């Protein structure tokens, strides 16, 4: 029980620190940029999306034991 209490205390302390807040803000920024980039690709270049899918599927098919995966 003491181990769980120590773990919870560490999480709470990390959350109170400024570095945790900075990390969370950076994660939000990265998430927003990712969504924006995907949105631009889908809207501006729908053909590019198909090319990316094909390239990824072909690359995955070259991995041993992954050739059974179909796209």
PDB file of N, CA and C in Angstrom:
ATOM      1  N   UNK A   1       0.814  -1.204   0.000  1.00  0.00           N
ATOM      2  CA  UNK A   1       0.000   0.000   0.000  1.00  0.00           C
ATOM      3  C   UNK A   1       0.856   1.266   0.000  1.00  0.00           C
ATOM      4  N   UNK A   2       1.994   1.180   0.683  1.00  0.00           N
ATOM      5  CA  UNK A   2       2.897   2.327   0.747  1.00  0.00           C
ATOM      6  C   UNK A   2       3.472   2.648  -0.631  1.00  0.00           C
ATOM      7  N   UNK A   3       3.707   1.618  -1.432  1.00  0.00           N
ATOM      8  CA  UNK A   3       4.244   1.834  -2.779  1.00  0.00           C
ATOM      9  C   UNK A   3       3.257   2.623  -3.620  1.00  0.00           C
ATOM     10  N   UNK A   4       1.993   2.269  -3.535  1.00  0.00           N
ATOM     11  CA  UNK A   4       0.960   2.978  -4.300  1.00  0.00           C
ATOM     12  C   UNK A   4       0.847   4.422  -3.827  1.00  0.00           C
ATOM     13  N   UNK A   5       0.911   4.616  -2.532  1.00  0.00           N
ATOM     14  CA  UNK A   5       0.827   5.974  -1.986  1.00  0.00           C
ATOM     15  C   UNK A   5       2.012   6.813  -2.456  1.00  0.00           C
ATOM     16  N   UNK A   6       3.221   6.235  -2.469  1.00  0.00           N
ATOM     17  CA  UNK A   6       4.406   6.953  -2.952  1.00  0.00           C
ATOM     18  C   UNK A   6       4.262   7.303  -4.436  1.00  0.00           C
ATOM     19  N   UNK A   7       3.739   6.363  -5.207  1.00  0.00           N
ATOM     20  CA  UNK A   7       3.541   6.611  -6.629  1.00  0.00           C
ATOM     21  C   UNK A   7       2.556   7.750  -6.856  1.00  0.00           C
ATOM     22  N   UNK A   8       1.455   7.736  -6.130  1.00  0.00           N
ATOM     23  CA  UNK A   8       0.457   8.803  -6.258  1.00  0.00           C
ATOM     24  C   UNK A   8       1.056  10.143  -5.850  1.00  0.00           C
ATOM     25  N   UNK A   9       1.843  10.155  -4.772  1.00  0.00           N
ATOM     26  CA  UNK A   9       2.485  11.394  -4.330  1.00  0.00           C
ATOM     27  C   UNK A   9       3.442  11.935  -5.397  1.00  0.00           C
ATOM     28  N   UNK A  10       4.169  11.039  -6.051  1.00  0.00           N
ATOM     29  CA  UNK A  10       5.086  11.476  -7.105  1.00  0.00           C
ATOM     30  C   UNK A  10       4.338  12.072  -8.292  1.00  0.00           C
ATOM     31  N   UNK A  11       3.226  11.450  -8.673  1.00  0.00           N
ATOM     32  CA  UNK A  11       2.434  11.962  -9.794  1.00  0.00           C
ATOM     33  C   UNK A  11       1.859  13.324  -9.448  1.00  0.00           C
ATOM     34  N   UNK A  12       1.334  13.465  -8.249  1.00  0.00           N
ATOM     35  CA  UNK A  12       0.762  14.741  -7.824  1.00  0.00           C
ATOM     36  C   UNK A  12       1.847  15.821  -7.785  1.00  0.00           C
ATOM     37  N   UNK A  13       3.017  15.494  -7.278  1.00  0.00           N
ATOM     38  CA  UNK A  13       4.106  16.466  -7.213  1.00  0.00           C
ATOM     39  C   UNK A  13       4.569  16.866  -8.608  1.00  0.00           C
ATOM     40  N   UNK A  14       4.657  15.899  -9.515  1.00  0.00           N
ATOM     41  CA  UNK A  14       5.047  16.217 -10.890  1.00  0.00           C
ATOM     42  C   UNK A  14       4.029  17.141 -11.533  1.00  0.00           C
ATOM     43  N   UNK A  15       2.762  16.907 -11.247  1.00  0.00           N
ATOM     44  CA  UNK A  15       1.702  17.728 -11.826  1.00  0.00           C
ATOM     45  C   UNK A  15       1.775  19.163 -11.305  1.00  0.00           C
ATOM     46  N   UNK A  16       2.220  19.333 -10.097  1.00  0.00           N
ATOM     47  CA  UNK A  16       2.304  20.673  -9.512  1.00  0.00           C
ATOM     48  C   UNK A  16       3.491  21.470 -10.047  1.00  0.00           C
ATOM     49  N   UNK A  17       4.506  20.773 -10.525  1.00  0.00           N
ATOM     50  CA  UNK A  17       5.703  21.457 -11.020  1.00  0.00           C
ATOM     51  C   UNK A  17       5.399  22.170 -12.332  1.00  0.00           C
ATOM     52  N   UNK A  18       6.156  23.214 -12.582  1.00  0.00           N
ATOM     53  CA  UNK A  18       6.006  23.963 -13.834  1.00  0.00           C
ATOM     54  C   UNK A  18       6.404  23.127 -15.039  1.00  0.00           C
ATOM     55  N   UNK A  19       7.365  22.225 -14.861  1.00  0.00           N
ATOM     56  CA  UNK A  19       7.812  21.421 -15.997  1.00  0.00           C
ATOM     57  C   UNK A  19       6.694  20.517 -16.506  1.00  0.00           C
ATOM     58  N   UNK A  20       5.842  20.045 -15.619  1.00  0.00           N
ATOM     59  CA  UNK A  20       4.718  19.209 -16.048  1.00  0.00           C
ATOM     60  C   UNK A  20       3.733  20.025 -16.870  1.00  0.00           C
ATOM     61  N   UNK A  21       3.492  21.243 -16.452  1.00  0.00           N
ATOM     62  CA  UNK A  21       2.584  22.104 -17.200  1.00  0.00           C
ATOM     63  C   UNK A  21       3.174  22.447 -18.557  1.00  0.00           C
ATOM     64  N   UNK A  22       4.477  22.709 -18.607  1.00  0.00           N
ATOM     65  CA  UNK A  22       5.129  22.990 -19.883  1.00  0.00           C
ATOM     66  C   UNK A  22       5.036  21.783 -20.810  1.00  0.00           C
ATOM     67  N   UNK A  23       5.266  20.596 -20.262  1.00  0.00           N
ATOM     68  CA  UNK A  23       5.187  19.375 -21.058  1.00  0.00           C
ATOM     69  C   UNK A  23       3.796  19.201 -21.630  1.00  0.00           C
ATOM     70  N   UNK A  24       2.783  19.423 -20.811  1.00  0.00           N
ATOM     71  CA  UNK A  24       1.405  19.293 -21.270  1.00  0.00           C
ATOM     72  C   UNK A  24       1.096  20.302 -22.369  1.00  0.00           C
ATOM     73  N   UNK A  25       1.575  21.527 -22.211  1.00  0.00           N
ATOM     74  CA  UNK A  25       1.341  22.551 -23.237  1.00  0.00           C
ATOM     75  C   UNK A  25       2.024  22.174 -24.554  1.00  0.00           C
ATOM     76  N   UNK A  26       3.239  21.654 -24.476  1.00  0.00           N
ATOM     77  CA  UNK A  26       3.924  21.217 -25.700  1.00  0.00           C
ATOM     78  C   UNK A  26       3.185  20.070 -26.367  1.00  0.00           C
ATOM     79  N   UNK A  27       2.648  19.158 -25.570  1.00  0.00           N
ATOM     80  CA  UNK A  27       1.877  18.054 -26.137  1.00  0.00           C
ATOM     81  C   UNK A  27       0.642  18.571 -26.861  1.00  0.00           C
ATOM     82  N   UNK A  28      -0.024  19.563 -26.295  1.00  0.00           N
ATOM     83  CA  UNK A  28      -1.176  20.155 -26.955  1.00  0.00           C
ATOM     84  C   UNK A  28      -0.788  20.831 -28.270  1.00  0.00           C
ATOM     85  N   UNK A  29       0.329  21.536 -28.259  1.00  0.00           N
ATOM     86  CA  UNK A  29       0.790  22.204 -29.479  1.00  0.00           C
ATOM     87  C   UNK A  29       1.124  21.177 -30.553  1.00  0.00           C
ATOM     88  N   UNK A  30       1.843  20.133 -30.184  1.00  0.00           N
ATOM     89  CA  UNK A  30       2.207  19.092 -31.149  1.00  0.00           C
ATOM     90  C   UNK A  30       0.959  18.416 -31.700  1.00  0.00           C
ATOM     91  N   UNK A  31      -0.011  18.147 -30.828  1.00  0.00           N
ATOM     92  CA  UNK A  31      -1.269  17.547 -31.283  1.00  0.00           C
ATOM     93  C   UNK A  31      -2.002  18.446 -32.258  1.00  0.00           C
ATOM     94  N   UNK A  32      -2.048  19.729 -31.964  1.00  0.00           N
ATOM     95  CA  UNK A  32      -2.721  20.673 -32.856  1.00  0.00           C
ATOM     96  C   UNK A  32      -2.042  20.775 -34.211  1.00  0.00           C
ATOM     97  N   UNK A  33      -0.716  20.811 -34.204  1.00  0.00           N
ATOM     98  CA  UNK A  33       0.023  20.869 -35.467  1.00  0.00           C
ATOM     99  C   UNK A  33      -0.202  19.593 -36.269  1.00  0.00           C
ATOM    100  N   UNK A  34      -0.227  18.457 -35.596  1.00  0.00           N
ATOM    101  CA  UNK A  34      -0.457  17.183 -36.281  1.00  0.00           C
ATOM    102  C   UNK A  34      -1.821  17.153 -36.945  1.00  0.00           C
ATOM    103  N   UNK A  35      -2.838  17.583 -36.223  1.00  0.00           N
ATOM    104  CA  UNK A  35      -4.186  17.621 -36.792  1.00  0.00           C
ATOM    105  C   UNK A  35      -4.240  18.580 -37.982  1.00  0.00           C
ATOM    106  N   UNK A  36      -3.574  19.712 -37.868  1.00  0.00           N
ATOM    107  CA  UNK A  36      -3.568  20.682 -38.971  1.00  0.00           C
ATOM    108  C   UNK A  36      -2.882  20.108 -40.208  1.00  0.00           C
ATOM    109  N   UNK A  37      -1.764  19.443 -40.026  1.00  0.00           N
ATOM    110  CA  UNK A  37      -1.044  18.862 -41.172  1.00  0.00           C
ATOM    111  C   UNK A  37      -1.879  17.781 -41.836  1.00  0.00           C
ATOM    112  N   UNK A  38      -2.484  16.916 -41.045  1.00  0.00           N
ATOM    113  CA  UNK A  38      -3.339  15.872 -41.618  1.00  0.00           C
ATOM    114  C   UNK A  38      -4.525  16.495 -42.343  1.00  0.00           C
ATOM    115  N   UNK A  39      -5.111  17.533 -41.765  1.00  0.00           N
ATOM    116  CA  UNK A  39      -6.218  18.223 -42.421  1.00  0.00           C
ATOM    117  C   UNK A  39      -5.825  18.816 -43.751  1.00  0.00           C
ATOM    118  N   UNK A  40      -4.656  19.424 -43.828  1.00  0.00           N
ATOM    119  CA  UNK A  40      -4.185  20.005 -45.083  1.00  0.00           C
ATOM    120  C   UNK A  40      -3.963  18.913 -46.122  1.00  0.00           C
ATOM    121  N   UNK A  41      -3.382  17.813 -45.713  1.00  0.00           N
ATOM    122  CA  UNK A  41      -3.143  16.707 -46.661  1.00  0.00           C
ATOM    123  C   UNK A  41      -4.461  16.165 -47.190  1.00  0.00           C
ATOM    124  N   UNK A  42      -5.435  15.974 -46.317  1.00  0.00           N
ATOM    125  CA  UNK A  42      -6.719  15.408 -46.735  1.00  0.00           C
ATOM    126  C   UNK A  42      -7.468  16.363 -47.653  1.00  0.00           C
ATOM    127  N   UNK A  43      -7.448  17.660 -47.344  1.00  0.00           N
ATOM    128  CA  UNK A  43      -8.209  18.630 -48.121  1.00  0.00           C
ATOM    129  C   UNK A  43      -7.481  19.038 -49.405  1.00  0.00           C
ATOM    130  N   UNK A  44      -6.197  19.356 -49.290  1.00  0.00           N
ATOM    131  CA  UNK A  44      -5.478  19.925 -50.422  1.00  0.00           C
ATOM    132  C   UNK A  44      -4.963  18.882 -51.402  1.00  0.00           C
ATOM    133  N   UNK A  45      -4.639  17.706 -50.910  1.00  0.00           N
ATOM    134  CA  UNK A  45      -4.033  16.709 -51.797  1.00  0.00           C
ATOM    135  C   UNK A  45      -4.577  15.317 -51.499  1.00  0.00           C
ATOM    136  N   UNK A  46      -5.843  15.073 -51.834  1.00  0.00           N
ATOM    137  CA  UNK A  46      -6.403  13.750 -51.523  1.00  0.00           C
ATOM    138  C   UNK A  46      -5.689  12.610 -52.247  1.00  0.00           C
ATOM    139  N   UNK A  47      -5.118  12.877 -53.408  1.00  0.00           N
ATOM    140  CA  UNK A  47      -4.361  11.839 -54.115  1.00  0.00           C
ATOM    141  C   UNK A  47      -3.085  11.476 -53.369  1.00  0.00           C
ATOM    142  N   UNK A  48      -2.512  12.462 -52.690  1.00  0.00           N
ATOM    143  CA  UNK A  48      -1.304  12.216 -51.918  1.00  0.00           C
ATOM    144  C   UNK A  48      -1.579  11.247 -50.781  1.00  0.00           C
ATOM    145  N   UNK A  49      -2.750  11.324 -50.205  1.00  0.00           N
ATOM    146  CA  UNK A  49      -3.115  10.431 -49.112  1.00  0.00           C
ATOM    147  C   UNK A  49      -3.105   8.979 -49.579  1.00  0.00           C
ATOM    148  N   UNK A  50      -3.624   8.725 -50.767  1.00  0.00           N
ATOM    149  CA  UNK A  50      -3.604   7.370 -51.314  1.00  0.00           C
ATOM    150  C   UNK A  50      -2.195   6.889 -51.587  1.00  0.00           C
ATOM    151  N   UNK A  51      -1.344   7.785 -52.060  1.00  0.00           N
ATOM    152  CA  UNK A  51       0.056   7.431 -52.322  1.00  0.00           C
ATOM    153  C   UNK A  51       0.787   7.095 -51.026  1.00  0.00           C
ATOM    154  N   UNK A  52       0.509   7.856 -49.978  1.00  0.00           N
ATOM    155  CA  UNK A  52       1.129   7.584 -48.685  1.00  0.00           C
ATOM    156  C   UNK A  52       0.677   6.225 -48.166  1.00  0.00           C
ATOM    157  N   UNK A  53      -0.608   5.934 -48.277  1.00  0.00           N
ATOM    158  CA  UNK A  53      -1.139   4.644 -47.818  1.00  0.00           C
ATOM    159  C   UNK A  53      -0.483   3.499 -48.575  1.00  0.00           C
ATOM    160  N   UNK A  54      -0.363   3.633 -49.882  1.00  0.00           N
ATOM    161  CA  UNK A  54       0.257   2.592 -50.695  1.00  0.00           C
ATOM    162  C   UNK A  54       1.717   2.393 -50.308  1.00  0.00           C
ATOM    163  N   UNK A  55       2.435   3.479 -50.092  1.00  0.00           N
ATOM    164  CA  UNK A  55       3.846   3.380 -49.717  1.00  0.00           C
ATOM    165  C   UNK A  55       4.011   2.696 -48.361  1.00  0.00           C
ATOM    166  N   UNK A  56       3.167   3.047 -47.404  1.00  0.00           N
ATOM    167  CA  UNK A  56       3.245   2.431 -46.084  1.00  0.00           C
ATOM    168  C   UNK A  56       2.901   0.947 -46.167  1.00  0.00           C
ATOM    169  N   UNK A  57       1.864   0.598 -46.903  1.00  0.00           N
ATOM    170  CA  UNK A  57       1.474  -0.813 -47.057  1.00  0.00           C
ATOM    171  C   UNK A  57       2.584  -1.620 -47.708  1.00  0.00           C
ATOM    172  N   UNK A  58       3.213  -1.065 -48.728  1.00  0.00           N
ATOM    173  CA  UNK A  58       4.314  -1.757 -49.393  1.00  0.00           C
ATOM    174  C   UNK A  58       5.508  -1.936 -48.459  1.00  0.00           C
ATOM    175  N   UNK A  59       5.785  -0.915 -47.649  1.00  0.00           N
ATOM    176  CA  UNK A  59       6.904  -1.004 -46.707  1.00  0.00           C
ATOM    177  C   UNK A  59       6.626  -2.045 -45.630  1.00  0.00           C
ATOM    178  N   UNK A  60       5.395  -2.084 -45.129  1.00  0.00           N
ATOM    179  CA  UNK A  60       5.040  -3.063 -44.099  1.00  0.00           C
ATOM    180  C   UNK A  60       5.103  -4.476 -44.663  1.00  0.00           C
ATOM    181  N   UNK A  61       4.736  -4.656 -45.917  1.00  0.00           N
ATOM    182  CA  UNK A  61       4.750  -5.977 -46.542  1.00  0.00           C
ATOM    183  C   UNK A  61       6.166  -6.540 -46.662  1.00  0.00           C
ATOM    184  N   UNK A  62       7.185  -5.690 -46.649  1.00  0.00           N
ATOM    185  CA  UNK A  62       8.562  -6.169 -46.756  1.00  0.00           C
ATOM    186  C   UNK A  62       9.125  -6.647 -45.421  1.00  0.00           C
ATOM    187  N   UNK A  63       8.434  -6.368 -44.319  1.00  0.00           N
ATOM    188  CA  UNK A  63       8.897  -6.784 -42.998  1.00  0.00           C
ATOM    189  C   UNK A  63       8.574  -8.267 -42.811  1.00  0.00           C
ATOM    190  N   UNK A  64       9.555  -9.064 -42.393  1.00  0.00           N
ATOM    191  CA  UNK A  64       9.283 -10.486 -42.171  1.00  0.00           C
ATOM    192  C   UNK A  64       8.147 -10.680 -41.160  1.00  0.00           C
ATOM    193  N   UNK A  65       7.313 -11.630 -41.383  1.00  0.00           N
ATOM    194  CA  UNK A  65       6.176 -11.981 -40.546  1.00  0.00           C
ATOM    195  C   UNK A  65       5.047 -10.943 -40.616  1.00  0.00           C
ATOM    196  N   UNK A  66       5.185  -9.940 -41.430  1.00  0.00           N
ATOM    197  CA  UNK A  66       4.141  -8.924 -41.562  1.00  0.00           C
ATOM    198  C   UNK A  66       3.516  -8.968 -42.956  1.00  0.00           C
ATOM    199  N   UNK A  67       3.989  -9.860 -43.803  1.00  0.00           N
ATOM    200  CA  UNK A  67       3.507  -9.903 -45.178  1.00  0.00           C
ATOM    201  C   UNK A  67       2.069 -10.385 -45.275  1.00  0.00           C
ATOM    202  N   UNK A  68       1.543 -10.960 -44.198  1.00  0.00           N
ATOM    203  CA  UNK A  68       0.155 -11.437 -44.229  1.00  0.00           C
ATOM    204  C   UNK A  68      -0.845 -10.313 -44.007  1.00  0.00           C
ATOM    205  N   UNK A  69      -0.366  -9.150 -43.593  1.00  0.00           N
ATOM    206  CA  UNK A  69      -1.254  -8.015 -43.366  1.00  0.00           C
ATOM    207  C   UNK A  69      -1.649  -7.422 -44.728  1.00  0.00           C
ATOM    208  N   UNK A  70      -2.936  -7.242 -44.920  1.00  0.00           N
ATOM    209  CA  UNK A  70      -3.394  -6.664 -46.184  1.00  0.00           C
ATOM    210  C   UNK A  70      -3.964  -5.274 -45.922  1.00  0.00           C
ATOM    211  N   UNK A  71      -3.744  -4.411 -46.874  1.00  0.00           N
ATOM    212  CA  UNK A  71      -4.235  -3.031 -46.742  1.00  0.00           C
ATOM    213  C   UNK A  71      -5.454  -2.815 -47.612  1.00  0.00           C
TER     214      UNK A  71
END
